[in-house]
Amino acid sequence: MANYALRVPESLFAYARQVAEEEHVSMNQFFVTAIAEKVSALKTEAYFRERQARSDLSAFDDWLAASPEAAPMEGDELP
């Protein structure tokens, strides 16, 4: 495991401490979880950008055209 000295503005640190206390977790766990959430969000964004880059809208249109003309299933109706 690595160590990293982190400089945090007092106001942000105080709020983080308050949230960590409310969540009954240590400050270390709070910061590690926050970093993990941000990394996950960035990786998810990159994944969808890559998926979008290899998409084929004409193939999607073909797929939609091949879908049967059927009424929505119960519970799937538009309001």
N, C-alpha and C. Protein backbone atom coordinates (compact mmCIF):
# COMPACT_ATOMS: atom_id res chain seq x y z
N MET A 1 0.85 -1.17 0.00
CA MET A 1 0.00 0.00 0.00
C MET A 1 0.90 1.23 0.00
N ALA A 2 0.48 2.25 -0.71
CA ALA A 2 1.28 3.48 -0.83
C ALA A 2 0.73 4.56 0.10
N ASN A 3 1.61 5.47 0.47
CA ASN A 3 1.22 6.65 1.26
C ASN A 3 1.36 7.89 0.39
N TYR A 4 0.46 8.86 0.61
CA TYR A 4 0.52 10.10 -0.14
C TYR A 4 0.07 11.22 0.78
N ALA A 5 0.92 12.20 0.97
CA ALA A 5 0.56 13.35 1.79
C ALA A 5 -0.38 14.24 0.97
N LEU A 6 -1.52 14.53 1.53
CA LEU A 6 -2.55 15.27 0.80
C LEU A 6 -2.80 16.60 1.49
N ARG A 7 -2.70 17.68 0.73
CA ARG A 7 -2.99 19.01 1.26
C ARG A 7 -4.44 19.33 0.90
N VAL A 8 -5.26 19.56 1.93
CA VAL A 8 -6.69 19.79 1.74
C VAL A 8 -7.06 21.11 2.41
N PRO A 9 -7.80 21.96 1.71
CA PRO A 9 -8.26 23.20 2.34
C PRO A 9 -9.05 22.88 3.62
N GLU A 10 -8.87 23.73 4.64
CA GLU A 10 -9.51 23.49 5.94
C GLU A 10 -11.01 23.29 5.82
N SER A 11 -11.67 24.13 5.03
CA SER A 11 -13.13 24.04 4.92
C SER A 11 -13.56 22.69 4.33
N LEU A 12 -12.85 22.22 3.31
CA LEU A 12 -13.17 20.94 2.70
C LEU A 12 -12.86 19.80 3.66
N PHE A 13 -11.74 19.92 4.37
CA PHE A 13 -11.36 18.89 5.33
C PHE A 13 -12.40 18.78 6.45
N ALA A 14 -12.88 19.91 6.93
CA ALA A 14 -13.89 19.90 7.99
C ALA A 14 -15.17 19.23 7.51
N TYR A 15 -15.57 19.54 6.29
CA TYR A 15 -16.78 18.91 5.75
C TYR A 15 -16.57 17.40 5.56
N ALA A 16 -15.39 17.02 5.06
CA ALA A 16 -15.09 15.60 4.88
C ALA A 16 -15.10 14.88 6.22
N ARG A 17 -14.54 15.51 7.23
CA ARG A 17 -14.54 14.90 8.58
C ARG A 17 -15.97 14.71 9.07
N GLN A 18 -16.82 15.71 8.86
CA GLN A 18 -18.21 15.63 9.29
C GLN A 18 -18.92 14.47 8.58
N VAL A 19 -18.73 14.36 7.27
CA VAL A 19 -19.38 13.30 6.50
C VAL A 19 -18.85 11.93 6.94
N ALA A 20 -17.55 11.81 7.15
CA ALA A 20 -16.97 10.55 7.59
C ALA A 20 -17.55 10.13 8.94
N GLU A 21 -17.70 11.08 9.85
CA GLU A 21 -18.29 10.78 11.15
C GLU A 21 -19.74 10.32 11.00
N GLU A 22 -20.49 11.02 10.13
CA GLU A 22 -21.89 10.64 9.90
C GLU A 22 -22.00 9.24 9.30
N GLU A 23 -21.03 8.88 8.47
CA GLU A 23 -21.03 7.56 7.82
C GLU A 23 -20.35 6.49 8.68
N HIS A 24 -19.82 6.90 9.82
CA HIS A 24 -19.13 5.98 10.75
C HIS A 24 -17.95 5.28 10.07
N VAL A 25 -17.15 6.06 9.35
CA VAL A 25 -15.94 5.53 8.71
C VAL A 25 -14.77 6.44 9.08
N SER A 26 -13.58 5.91 8.94
CA SER A 26 -12.39 6.72 9.21
C SER A 26 -12.18 7.71 8.08
N MET A 27 -11.38 8.72 8.35
CA MET A 27 -11.05 9.69 7.30
C MET A 27 -10.32 8.99 6.17
N ASN A 28 -9.44 8.06 6.51
CA ASN A 28 -8.71 7.32 5.48
C ASN A 28 -9.68 6.57 4.58
N GLN A 29 -10.63 5.86 5.18
CA GLN A 29 -11.60 5.11 4.38
C GLN A 29 -12.44 6.06 3.53
N PHE A 30 -12.81 7.21 4.09
CA PHE A 30 -13.60 8.18 3.34
C PHE A 30 -12.84 8.66 2.10
N PHE A 31 -11.57 9.04 2.29
CA PHE A 31 -10.78 9.54 1.16
C PHE A 31 -10.52 8.45 0.13
N VAL A 32 -10.22 7.24 0.57
CA VAL A 32 -9.97 6.14 -0.36
C VAL A 32 -11.24 5.85 -1.17
N THR A 33 -12.38 5.84 -0.50
CA THR A 33 -13.64 5.59 -1.20
C THR A 33 -13.94 6.71 -2.20
N ALA A 34 -13.70 7.95 -1.81
CA ALA A 34 -13.94 9.08 -2.72
C ALA A 34 -13.05 8.98 -3.95
N ILE A 35 -11.79 8.62 -3.76
CA ILE A 35 -10.87 8.46 -4.90
C ILE A 35 -11.34 7.31 -5.78
N ALA A 36 -11.75 6.20 -5.17
CA ALA A 36 -12.22 5.04 -5.95
C ALA A 36 -13.46 5.40 -6.77
N GLU A 37 -14.37 6.17 -6.19
CA GLU A 37 -15.58 6.59 -6.91
C GLU A 37 -15.21 7.45 -8.11
N LYS A 38 -14.27 8.37 -7.95
CA LYS A 38 -13.88 9.25 -9.05
C LYS A 38 -13.19 8.45 -10.15
N VAL A 39 -12.28 7.54 -9.77
CA VAL A 39 -11.60 6.70 -10.77
C VAL A 39 -12.63 5.87 -11.53
N SER A 40 -13.59 5.31 -10.82
CA SER A 40 -14.64 4.51 -11.46
C SER A 40 -15.44 5.34 -12.45
N ALA A 41 -15.80 6.57 -12.06
CA ALA A 41 -16.56 7.44 -12.95
C ALA A 41 -15.77 7.77 -14.21
N LEU A 42 -14.49 8.05 -14.07
CA LEU A 42 -13.66 8.38 -15.23
C LEU A 42 -13.48 7.17 -16.14
N LYS A 43 -13.30 5.99 -15.56
CA LYS A 43 -13.15 4.78 -16.37
C LYS A 43 -14.45 4.46 -17.10
N THR A 44 -15.58 4.67 -16.44
CA THR A 44 -16.88 4.43 -17.07
C THR A 44 -17.09 5.38 -18.24
N GLU A 45 -16.73 6.64 -18.04
CA GLU A 45 -16.86 7.62 -19.12
C GLU A 45 -15.99 7.23 -20.31
N ALA A 46 -14.77 6.79 -20.05
CA ALA A 46 -13.87 6.36 -21.13
C ALA A 46 -14.42 5.14 -21.85
N TYR A 47 -15.01 4.22 -21.10
CA TYR A 47 -15.60 3.01 -21.70
C TYR A 47 -16.71 3.39 -22.67
N PHE A 48 -17.62 4.27 -22.24
CA PHE A 48 -18.73 4.64 -23.12
C PHE A 48 -18.27 5.49 -24.30
N ARG A 49 -17.22 6.31 -24.12
CA ARG A 49 -16.66 7.03 -25.27
C ARG A 49 -16.12 6.05 -26.30
N GLU A 50 -15.42 5.01 -25.84
CA GLU A 50 -14.87 4.00 -26.75
C GLU A 50 -15.99 3.25 -27.44
N ARG A 51 -17.05 2.90 -26.70
CA ARG A 51 -18.18 2.20 -27.30
C ARG A 51 -18.86 3.08 -28.35
N GLN A 52 -19.00 4.37 -28.06
CA GLN A 52 -19.62 5.29 -29.00
C GLN A 52 -18.79 5.40 -30.27
N ALA A 53 -17.48 5.41 -30.13
CA ALA A 53 -16.59 5.56 -31.29
C ALA A 53 -16.73 4.40 -32.26
N ARG A 54 -17.08 3.21 -31.76
CA ARG A 54 -17.19 2.07 -32.68
C ARG A 54 -18.65 1.73 -32.99
N SER A 55 -19.55 2.66 -32.67
CA SER A 55 -20.96 2.40 -32.95
C SER A 55 -21.26 2.60 -34.43
N ASP A 56 -22.37 2.00 -34.85
CA ASP A 56 -22.81 2.09 -36.25
C ASP A 56 -24.30 2.41 -36.23
N LEU A 57 -24.63 3.69 -36.44
CA LEU A 57 -26.03 4.11 -36.36
C LEU A 57 -26.89 3.46 -37.44
N SER A 58 -26.34 3.20 -38.60
CA SER A 58 -27.15 2.56 -39.64
C SER A 58 -27.51 1.13 -39.22
N ALA A 59 -26.61 0.43 -38.53
CA ALA A 59 -26.92 -0.91 -38.04
C ALA A 59 -28.01 -0.84 -36.97
N PHE A 60 -27.98 0.21 -36.15
CA PHE A 60 -29.01 0.39 -35.14
C PHE A 60 -30.36 0.65 -35.80
N ASP A 61 -30.37 1.48 -36.85
CA ASP A 61 -31.60 1.73 -37.59
C ASP A 61 -32.15 0.44 -38.19
N ASP A 62 -31.26 -0.39 -38.73
CA ASP A 62 -31.69 -1.69 -39.28
C ASP A 62 -32.29 -2.57 -38.20
N TRP A 63 -31.66 -2.56 -37.02
CA TRP A 63 -32.16 -3.36 -35.91
C TRP A 63 -33.55 -2.88 -35.49
N LEU A 64 -33.72 -1.56 -35.42
CA LEU A 64 -35.03 -1.02 -35.06
C LEU A 64 -36.08 -1.38 -36.10
N ALA A 65 -35.71 -1.31 -37.36
CA ALA A 65 -36.66 -1.62 -38.44
C ALA A 65 -37.08 -3.08 -38.38
N ALA A 66 -36.22 -3.95 -37.90
CA ALA A 66 -36.53 -5.37 -37.83
C ALA A 66 -37.36 -5.73 -36.60
N SER A 67 -37.53 -4.78 -35.69
CA SER A 67 -38.30 -5.05 -34.46
C SER A 67 -39.77 -5.21 -34.82
N PRO A 68 -40.44 -6.15 -34.17
CA PRO A 68 -41.86 -6.37 -34.49
C PRO A 68 -42.72 -5.20 -34.03
N GLU A 69 -43.78 -4.96 -34.77
CA GLU A 69 -44.75 -3.94 -34.40
C GLU A 69 -45.71 -4.57 -33.40
N ALA A 70 -45.43 -4.41 -32.14
CA ALA A 70 -46.27 -5.00 -31.10
C ALA A 70 -46.57 -3.96 -30.04
N ALA A 71 -47.69 -4.13 -29.41
CA ALA A 71 -48.06 -3.23 -28.32
C ALA A 71 -47.09 -3.45 -27.16
N PRO A 72 -46.84 -2.42 -26.36
CA PRO A 72 -45.94 -2.59 -25.22
C PRO A 72 -46.52 -3.59 -24.22
N MET A 73 -45.62 -4.26 -23.54
CA MET A 73 -46.05 -5.18 -22.49
C MET A 73 -46.68 -4.38 -21.36
N GLU A 74 -47.53 -5.02 -20.59
CA GLU A 74 -48.19 -4.35 -19.48
C GLU A 74 -47.15 -3.77 -18.52
N GLY A 75 -47.28 -2.50 -18.20
CA GLY A 75 -46.34 -1.82 -17.32
C GLY A 75 -45.29 -1.04 -18.09
N ASP A 76 -45.15 -1.28 -19.41
CA ASP A 76 -44.17 -0.58 -20.23
C ASP A 76 -44.80 0.57 -21.04
N GLU A 77 -46.07 0.80 -20.85
CA GLU A 77 -46.76 1.83 -21.62
C GLU A 77 -46.24 3.22 -21.24
N LEU A 78 -46.31 4.14 -22.18
CA LEU A 78 -45.99 5.53 -21.90
C LEU A 78 -47.14 6.15 -21.13
N PRO A 79 -46.84 7.10 -20.25
CA PRO A 79 -47.94 7.73 -19.47
C PRO A 79 -48.85 8.55 -20.35
